[in-house]
């Protein structure tokens, strides 16, 4: 039988709530005050949150479009190609 996790029950937190929870987990782990068992549980929860947040960001990136105008003055939308700036830290937004 599959093990039931917190992610399986109830409504999912918003992106912002999940990100805040992940930040809290990182702080708790860095604090070193948790028992080994609690540290492992927080690590597992953080890993699940990180995967979910990454998936949501990937999905959002696919939905971003740019409004453009052609030479005839007609407007259309096209996928926004994000270009990395030279010297910018990896993962930093280009604006």
N, C-alpha and C. Protein backbone atom coordinates (compact mmCIF):
# COMPACT_ATOMS: atom_id res chain seq x y z
N UNK A 1 0.84 -1.17 0.00
CA UNK A 1 0.00 0.00 0.00
C UNK A 1 0.89 1.24 0.00
N UNK A 2 0.53 2.27 -0.78
CA UNK A 2 1.33 3.49 -0.86
C UNK A 2 1.23 4.29 0.42
N UNK A 3 2.36 4.87 0.79
CA UNK A 3 2.40 5.69 1.99
C UNK A 3 1.74 7.03 1.71
N UNK A 4 0.87 7.47 2.59
CA UNK A 4 0.15 8.73 2.42
C UNK A 4 1.02 9.86 2.95
N UNK A 5 1.16 10.93 2.17
CA UNK A 5 1.96 12.07 2.59
C UNK A 5 1.08 13.29 2.76
N UNK A 6 1.67 14.35 3.30
CA UNK A 6 0.93 15.60 3.49
C UNK A 6 0.47 16.15 2.15
N UNK A 7 1.23 15.87 1.08
CA UNK A 7 0.88 16.36 -0.25
C UNK A 7 -0.37 15.67 -0.79
N UNK A 8 -0.69 14.49 -0.24
CA UNK A 8 -1.84 13.74 -0.72
C UNK A 8 -3.15 14.20 -0.10
N UNK A 9 -3.08 14.93 0.98
CA UNK A 9 -4.31 15.29 1.70
C UNK A 9 -4.54 16.79 1.67
N UNK A 10 -5.79 17.16 1.48
CA UNK A 10 -6.17 18.56 1.54
C UNK A 10 -5.69 19.38 0.35
N UNK A 11 -6.10 20.64 0.33
CA UNK A 11 -5.72 21.52 -0.77
C UNK A 11 -4.23 21.89 -0.71
N UNK A 12 -3.65 22.08 -1.87
CA UNK A 12 -2.25 22.46 -1.96
C UNK A 12 -2.08 23.95 -1.60
N UNK A 13 -1.00 24.30 -0.91
CA UNK A 13 -0.77 25.72 -0.62
C UNK A 13 -0.43 26.47 -1.91
N UNK A 14 -0.62 27.78 -1.89
CA UNK A 14 -0.28 28.59 -3.05
C UNK A 14 1.23 28.55 -3.28
N UNK A 15 1.66 29.04 -4.42
CA UNK A 15 3.09 29.08 -4.72
C UNK A 15 3.84 29.85 -3.63
N UNK A 16 3.31 31.00 -3.27
CA UNK A 16 3.96 31.85 -2.28
C UNK A 16 4.02 31.17 -0.91
N UNK A 17 2.95 30.49 -0.53
CA UNK A 17 2.93 29.78 0.76
C UNK A 17 3.93 28.63 0.75
N UNK A 18 4.00 27.91 -0.36
CA UNK A 18 4.94 26.79 -0.47
C UNK A 18 6.38 27.29 -0.43
N UNK A 19 6.64 28.42 -1.08
CA UNK A 19 7.98 29.00 -1.08
C UNK A 19 8.37 29.44 0.33
N UNK A 20 7.45 30.06 1.03
CA UNK A 20 7.71 30.50 2.41
C UNK A 20 7.98 29.29 3.30
N UNK A 21 7.21 28.21 3.13
CA UNK A 21 7.43 26.99 3.91
C UNK A 21 8.81 26.41 3.61
N UNK A 22 9.21 26.41 2.35
CA UNK A 22 10.53 25.90 1.97
C UNK A 22 11.63 26.74 2.63
N UNK A 23 11.45 28.06 2.65
CA UNK A 23 12.43 28.93 3.30
C UNK A 23 12.53 28.61 4.80
N UNK A 24 11.38 28.37 5.43
CA UNK A 24 11.35 28.02 6.85
C UNK A 24 12.09 26.70 7.09
N UNK A 25 11.86 25.73 6.22
CA UNK A 25 12.52 24.43 6.35
C UNK A 25 14.03 24.60 6.25
N UNK A 26 14.49 25.38 5.29
CA UNK A 26 15.93 25.61 5.13
C UNK A 26 16.50 26.24 6.40
N UNK A 27 15.82 27.25 6.94
CA UNK A 27 16.28 27.89 8.17
C UNK A 27 16.36 26.90 9.33
N UNK A 28 15.34 26.04 9.45
CA UNK A 28 15.33 25.05 10.52
C UNK A 28 16.49 24.07 10.38
N UNK A 29 16.73 23.62 9.15
CA UNK A 29 17.83 22.68 8.92
C UNK A 29 19.18 23.33 9.17
N UNK A 30 19.33 24.59 8.74
CA UNK A 30 20.59 25.29 8.96
C UNK A 30 20.82 25.61 10.43
N UNK A 31 19.72 25.75 11.20
CA UNK A 31 19.83 26.05 12.62
C UNK A 31 20.44 24.92 13.43
N UNK A 32 20.30 23.69 12.97
CA UNK A 32 20.91 22.56 13.64
C UNK A 32 20.26 22.14 14.94
N UNK A 33 19.07 22.63 15.22
CA UNK A 33 18.39 22.32 16.48
C UNK A 33 17.47 21.10 16.39
N UNK A 34 17.23 20.60 15.19
CA UNK A 34 16.30 19.49 15.00
C UNK A 34 16.98 18.15 15.28
N UNK A 35 16.18 17.19 15.70
CA UNK A 35 16.69 15.83 15.85
C UNK A 35 16.96 15.27 14.46
N UNK A 36 17.66 14.15 14.42
CA UNK A 36 17.94 13.52 13.14
C UNK A 36 16.65 13.15 12.42
N UNK A 37 15.72 12.57 13.15
CA UNK A 37 14.43 12.16 12.55
C UNK A 37 13.68 13.38 12.01
N UNK A 38 13.63 14.46 12.79
CA UNK A 38 12.96 15.68 12.33
C UNK A 38 13.68 16.30 11.13
N UNK A 39 15.00 16.24 11.15
CA UNK A 39 15.78 16.78 10.02
C UNK A 39 15.48 16.02 8.74
N UNK A 40 15.40 14.70 8.85
CA UNK A 40 15.10 13.88 7.67
C UNK A 40 13.70 14.19 7.15
N UNK A 41 12.74 14.31 8.08
CA UNK A 41 11.36 14.63 7.68
C UNK A 41 11.30 15.99 6.99
N UNK A 42 12.00 17.00 7.54
CA UNK A 42 12.00 18.33 6.93
C UNK A 42 12.67 18.29 5.55
N UNK A 43 13.77 17.54 5.46
CA UNK A 43 14.47 17.42 4.18
C UNK A 43 13.54 16.82 3.12
N UNK A 44 12.84 15.77 3.47
CA UNK A 44 11.91 15.13 2.52
C UNK A 44 10.80 16.09 2.12
N UNK A 45 10.25 16.82 3.08
CA UNK A 45 9.20 17.80 2.78
C UNK A 45 9.75 18.89 1.87
N UNK A 46 10.95 19.36 2.17
CA UNK A 46 11.58 20.40 1.36
C UNK A 46 11.83 19.94 -0.06
N UNK A 47 12.24 18.70 -0.22
CA UNK A 47 12.47 18.15 -1.55
C UNK A 47 11.18 18.11 -2.35
N UNK A 48 10.09 17.66 -1.71
CA UNK A 48 8.78 17.64 -2.41
C UNK A 48 8.37 19.06 -2.81
N UNK A 49 8.51 20.01 -1.88
CA UNK A 49 8.14 21.40 -2.19
C UNK A 49 8.99 21.96 -3.32
N UNK A 50 10.29 21.69 -3.27
CA UNK A 50 11.19 22.19 -4.30
C UNK A 50 10.81 21.66 -5.68
N UNK A 51 10.50 20.38 -5.76
CA UNK A 51 10.07 19.80 -7.04
C UNK A 51 8.79 20.44 -7.54
N UNK A 52 7.84 20.63 -6.63
CA UNK A 52 6.55 21.23 -7.02
C UNK A 52 6.73 22.67 -7.48
N UNK A 53 7.53 23.44 -6.75
CA UNK A 53 7.77 24.83 -7.13
C UNK A 53 8.48 24.92 -8.47
N UNK A 54 9.46 24.05 -8.70
CA UNK A 54 10.16 24.04 -9.98
C UNK A 54 9.21 23.72 -11.12
N UNK A 55 8.33 22.76 -10.90
CA UNK A 55 7.34 22.39 -11.92
C UNK A 55 6.41 23.58 -12.21
N UNK A 56 5.96 24.27 -11.15
CA UNK A 56 5.07 25.42 -11.36
C UNK A 56 5.80 26.53 -12.12
N UNK A 57 7.06 26.76 -11.83
CA UNK A 57 7.82 27.79 -12.54
C UNK A 57 8.02 27.40 -14.01
N UNK A 58 8.29 26.13 -14.27
CA UNK A 58 8.44 25.66 -15.65
C UNK A 58 7.14 25.86 -16.43
N UNK A 59 6.02 25.54 -15.80
CA UNK A 59 4.72 25.71 -16.45
C UNK A 59 4.43 27.18 -16.71
N UNK A 60 4.77 28.04 -15.76
CA UNK A 60 4.53 29.48 -15.93
C UNK A 60 5.39 30.03 -17.07
N UNK A 61 6.63 29.57 -17.15
CA UNK A 61 7.52 30.04 -18.21
C UNK A 61 6.97 29.70 -19.59
N UNK A 62 6.35 28.54 -19.71
CA UNK A 62 5.78 28.13 -20.99
C UNK A 62 4.58 28.99 -21.37
N UNK A 63 3.93 29.60 -20.39
CA UNK A 63 2.73 30.40 -20.67
C UNK A 63 3.05 31.86 -20.99
N UNK A 64 4.26 32.30 -20.70
CA UNK A 64 4.61 33.71 -20.92
C UNK A 64 4.71 33.96 -22.42
N UNK A 65 4.03 35.00 -22.86
CA UNK A 65 4.06 35.38 -24.26
C UNK A 65 4.39 36.86 -24.38
N UNK A 66 4.92 37.23 -25.53
CA UNK A 66 5.25 38.62 -25.79
C UNK A 66 4.31 39.16 -26.87
N UNK A 67 3.81 40.35 -26.65
CA UNK A 67 2.96 41.00 -27.64
C UNK A 67 3.87 41.70 -28.63
N UNK A 68 3.71 41.42 -29.92
CA UNK A 68 4.56 42.04 -30.94
C UNK A 68 3.71 42.59 -32.08
N UNK A 69 4.32 43.51 -32.82
CA UNK A 69 3.64 44.14 -33.94
C UNK A 69 4.49 43.93 -35.19
N UNK A 70 3.86 43.48 -36.27
CA UNK A 70 4.61 43.26 -37.51
C UNK A 70 4.66 44.53 -38.33
N UNK A 71 5.30 44.47 -39.49
CA UNK A 71 5.45 45.65 -40.34
C UNK A 71 4.13 46.21 -40.84
N UNK A 72 3.11 45.38 -40.96
CA UNK A 72 1.79 45.82 -41.42
C UNK A 72 0.97 46.44 -40.28
N UNK A 73 1.54 46.49 -39.09
CA UNK A 73 0.84 47.06 -37.96
C UNK A 73 -0.08 46.10 -37.23
N UNK A 74 -0.06 44.83 -37.61
CA UNK A 74 -0.90 43.83 -36.96
C UNK A 74 -0.18 43.31 -35.70
N UNK A 75 -0.96 43.11 -34.66
CA UNK A 75 -0.36 42.61 -33.42
C UNK A 75 -0.63 41.11 -33.28
N UNK A 76 0.30 40.46 -32.65
CA UNK A 76 0.17 39.03 -32.38
C UNK A 76 0.99 38.71 -31.13
N UNK A 77 0.81 37.50 -30.65
CA UNK A 77 1.61 37.07 -29.51
C UNK A 77 2.53 35.95 -29.94
N UNK A 78 3.66 35.86 -29.30
CA UNK A 78 4.61 34.80 -29.56
C UNK A 78 5.29 34.43 -28.25
N UNK A 79 5.79 33.21 -28.16
CA UNK A 79 6.46 32.82 -26.92
C UNK A 79 7.63 33.75 -26.61
N UNK A 80 7.79 34.07 -25.38
CA UNK A 80 8.88 34.95 -24.96
C UNK A 80 10.13 34.11 -24.77
N UNK A 81 11.17 34.43 -25.49
CA UNK A 81 12.44 33.73 -25.35
C UNK A 81 13.27 34.51 -24.33
N UNK A 82 13.56 33.86 -23.23
CA UNK A 82 14.35 34.50 -22.19
C UNK A 82 15.82 34.31 -22.50
N UNK A 83 16.53 35.43 -22.62
CA UNK A 83 17.95 35.38 -22.91
C UNK A 83 18.71 35.64 -21.62
N UNK A 84 19.75 34.87 -21.41
CA UNK A 84 20.56 35.09 -20.22
C UNK A 84 21.55 36.20 -20.50
N UNK A 85 21.72 37.07 -19.50
CA UNK A 85 22.69 38.14 -19.63
C UNK A 85 24.08 37.61 -19.30
N UNK A 86 25.09 38.05 -20.05
CA UNK A 86 26.45 37.62 -19.73
C UNK A 86 26.82 38.06 -18.32
N UNK A 87 27.40 37.17 -17.56
CA UNK A 87 27.83 37.50 -16.20
C UNK A 87 26.73 37.43 -15.16
N UNK A 88 25.48 37.23 -15.56
CA UNK A 88 24.39 37.15 -14.59
C UNK A 88 24.43 35.80 -13.90
N UNK A 89 24.13 35.78 -12.59
CA UNK A 89 24.11 34.50 -11.87
C UNK A 89 23.08 33.57 -12.50
N UNK A 90 23.40 32.27 -12.46
CA UNK A 90 22.50 31.28 -13.04
C UNK A 90 21.14 31.33 -12.38
N UNK A 91 20.08 31.30 -13.19
CA UNK A 91 18.72 31.31 -12.67
C UNK A 91 18.17 32.69 -12.41
N UNK A 92 18.97 33.73 -12.60
CA UNK A 92 18.47 35.10 -12.37
C UNK A 92 17.61 35.52 -13.54
N UNK A 93 16.51 36.22 -13.23
CA UNK A 93 15.61 36.68 -14.27
C UNK A 93 16.28 37.75 -15.11
N UNK A 94 15.99 37.80 -16.42
CA UNK A 94 16.68 38.71 -17.32
C UNK A 94 16.14 40.13 -17.32
N UNK A 95 15.50 40.58 -16.27
CA UNK A 95 15.00 41.95 -16.22
C UNK A 95 15.18 42.52 -14.85
